[in-house]
């Protein structure tokens, strides 16, 4: 896992939820919004 801002590997879970990077001192969270429905594009292999 890498920080999306500085690409360092110094990520630690936060007590309040989310992650903190101890290299660039940013805190962030990742949210999953769901799956997309529909047909796969022709360029993707089936």
N, C-alpha and C. Protein backbone atom coordinates (compact mmCIF):
# COMPACT_ATOMS: atom_id res chain seq x y z
N UNK A 1 0.84 -1.18 0.00
CA UNK A 1 0.00 0.00 0.00
C UNK A 1 0.88 1.24 0.00
N UNK A 2 0.47 2.20 -0.79
CA UNK A 2 1.22 3.43 -0.93
C UNK A 2 0.32 4.63 -0.69
N UNK A 3 0.87 5.69 -0.19
CA UNK A 3 0.13 6.94 -0.02
C UNK A 3 -0.24 7.48 -1.41
N UNK A 4 -1.50 7.88 -1.63
CA UNK A 4 -1.88 8.41 -2.94
C UNK A 4 -1.31 9.80 -3.21
N UNK A 5 -0.73 10.45 -2.22
CA UNK A 5 -0.20 11.80 -2.38
C UNK A 5 1.31 11.82 -2.59
N UNK A 6 2.05 11.04 -1.78
CA UNK A 6 3.51 11.09 -1.89
C UNK A 6 4.13 9.75 -2.29
N UNK A 7 3.33 8.69 -2.36
CA UNK A 7 3.75 7.35 -2.78
C UNK A 7 4.66 6.65 -1.78
N UNK A 8 4.76 7.14 -0.56
CA UNK A 8 5.54 6.46 0.46
C UNK A 8 4.72 5.32 1.06
N UNK A 9 5.36 4.43 1.78
CA UNK A 9 4.70 3.27 2.37
C UNK A 9 4.46 3.43 3.86
N UNK A 10 4.50 4.64 4.37
CA UNK A 10 4.35 4.88 5.80
C UNK A 10 2.90 5.16 6.17
N UNK A 11 2.00 4.22 5.82
CA UNK A 11 0.57 4.37 6.11
C UNK A 11 0.22 3.64 7.40
N UNK A 12 -0.60 4.28 8.20
CA UNK A 12 -1.06 3.70 9.46
C UNK A 12 -2.54 3.99 9.61
N UNK A 13 -3.31 3.04 10.15
CA UNK A 13 -4.74 3.29 10.36
C UNK A 13 -4.94 4.35 11.44
N UNK A 14 -5.97 5.17 11.26
CA UNK A 14 -6.32 6.20 12.25
C UNK A 14 -7.40 5.66 13.18
N UNK A 15 -7.39 6.10 14.41
CA UNK A 15 -8.41 5.69 15.37
C UNK A 15 -9.79 6.19 14.95
N UNK A 16 -9.86 7.34 14.29
CA UNK A 16 -11.12 7.92 13.86
C UNK A 16 -11.59 7.35 12.53
N UNK A 17 -10.86 6.43 11.97
CA UNK A 17 -11.18 5.88 10.66
C UNK A 17 -10.27 6.49 9.61
N UNK A 18 -10.05 5.79 8.55
CA UNK A 18 -9.19 6.28 7.48
C UNK A 18 -7.73 5.92 7.73
N UNK A 19 -6.87 6.61 7.05
CA UNK A 19 -5.44 6.34 7.08
C UNK A 19 -4.67 7.62 7.28
N UNK A 20 -3.45 7.50 7.82
CA UNK A 20 -2.55 8.65 7.91
C UNK A 20 -1.20 8.26 7.32
N UNK A 21 -0.61 9.20 6.61
CA UNK A 21 0.73 9.01 6.06
C UNK A 21 1.69 9.80 6.93
N UNK A 22 2.64 9.13 7.50
CA UNK A 22 3.57 9.81 8.39
C UNK A 22 4.74 10.45 7.64
N UNK A 23 4.78 10.28 6.33
CA UNK A 23 5.82 10.95 5.53
C UNK A 23 5.37 12.36 5.12
N UNK A 24 4.16 12.46 4.58
CA UNK A 24 3.68 13.77 4.12
C UNK A 24 2.66 14.39 5.08
N UNK A 25 2.34 13.66 6.18
CA UNK A 25 1.45 14.14 7.24
C UNK A 25 0.04 14.43 6.75
N UNK A 26 -0.43 13.63 5.78
CA UNK A 26 -1.81 13.76 5.31
C UNK A 26 -2.66 12.63 5.89
N UNK A 27 -3.92 12.95 6.13
CA UNK A 27 -4.88 11.94 6.57
C UNK A 27 -5.97 11.86 5.51
N UNK A 28 -6.40 10.64 5.20
CA UNK A 28 -7.39 10.47 4.14
C UNK A 28 -8.17 9.19 4.37
N UNK A 29 -9.27 9.03 3.64
CA UNK A 29 -10.04 7.80 3.67
C UNK A 29 -10.38 7.41 2.25
N UNK A 30 -10.69 6.15 2.08
CA UNK A 30 -11.06 5.61 0.78
C UNK A 30 -12.51 5.14 0.88
N UNK A 31 -13.34 5.54 -0.06
CA UNK A 31 -14.75 5.18 -0.02
C UNK A 31 -15.11 4.35 -1.25
N UNK A 32 -15.76 3.22 -1.00
CA UNK A 32 -16.25 2.37 -2.08
C UNK A 32 -17.69 2.77 -2.37
N UNK A 33 -17.98 3.12 -3.61
CA UNK A 33 -19.32 3.59 -3.98
C UNK A 33 -20.21 2.51 -4.55
N UNK A 34 -19.67 1.36 -4.90
CA UNK A 34 -20.47 0.27 -5.44
C UNK A 34 -19.92 -0.23 -6.76
N UNK A 35 -20.66 -1.15 -7.33
CA UNK A 35 -20.28 -1.74 -8.61
C UNK A 35 -21.09 -1.12 -9.73
N UNK A 36 -20.49 -0.99 -10.88
CA UNK A 36 -21.19 -0.48 -12.05
C UNK A 36 -21.93 -1.62 -12.73
N UNK A 37 -23.11 -1.34 -13.19
CA UNK A 37 -23.83 -2.36 -13.93
C UNK A 37 -23.74 -2.05 -15.41
N UNK A 38 -23.95 -3.04 -16.21
CA UNK A 38 -23.87 -2.82 -17.64
C UNK A 38 -22.96 -3.81 -18.33
N UNK A 39 -22.89 -3.66 -19.63
CA UNK A 39 -22.12 -4.56 -20.46
C UNK A 39 -20.67 -4.12 -20.51
N UNK A 40 -19.78 -5.08 -20.58
CA UNK A 40 -18.36 -4.79 -20.74
C UNK A 40 -18.10 -4.27 -22.13
N UNK A 41 -17.11 -3.42 -22.28
CA UNK A 41 -16.75 -2.88 -23.58
C UNK A 41 -16.18 -3.94 -24.52
N UNK A 42 -16.21 -3.68 -25.80
CA UNK A 42 -15.69 -4.63 -26.80
C UNK A 42 -14.19 -4.82 -26.67
N UNK A 43 -13.49 -3.82 -26.12
CA UNK A 43 -12.03 -3.91 -26.03
C UNK A 43 -11.58 -4.82 -24.89
N UNK A 44 -12.48 -5.18 -23.95
CA UNK A 44 -12.13 -6.05 -22.86
C UNK A 44 -12.36 -7.51 -23.23
N UNK A 45 -11.45 -8.35 -22.80
CA UNK A 45 -11.57 -9.78 -23.08
C UNK A 45 -12.64 -10.39 -22.19
N UNK A 46 -13.36 -11.36 -22.71
CA UNK A 46 -14.38 -12.04 -21.92
C UNK A 46 -13.95 -13.41 -21.51
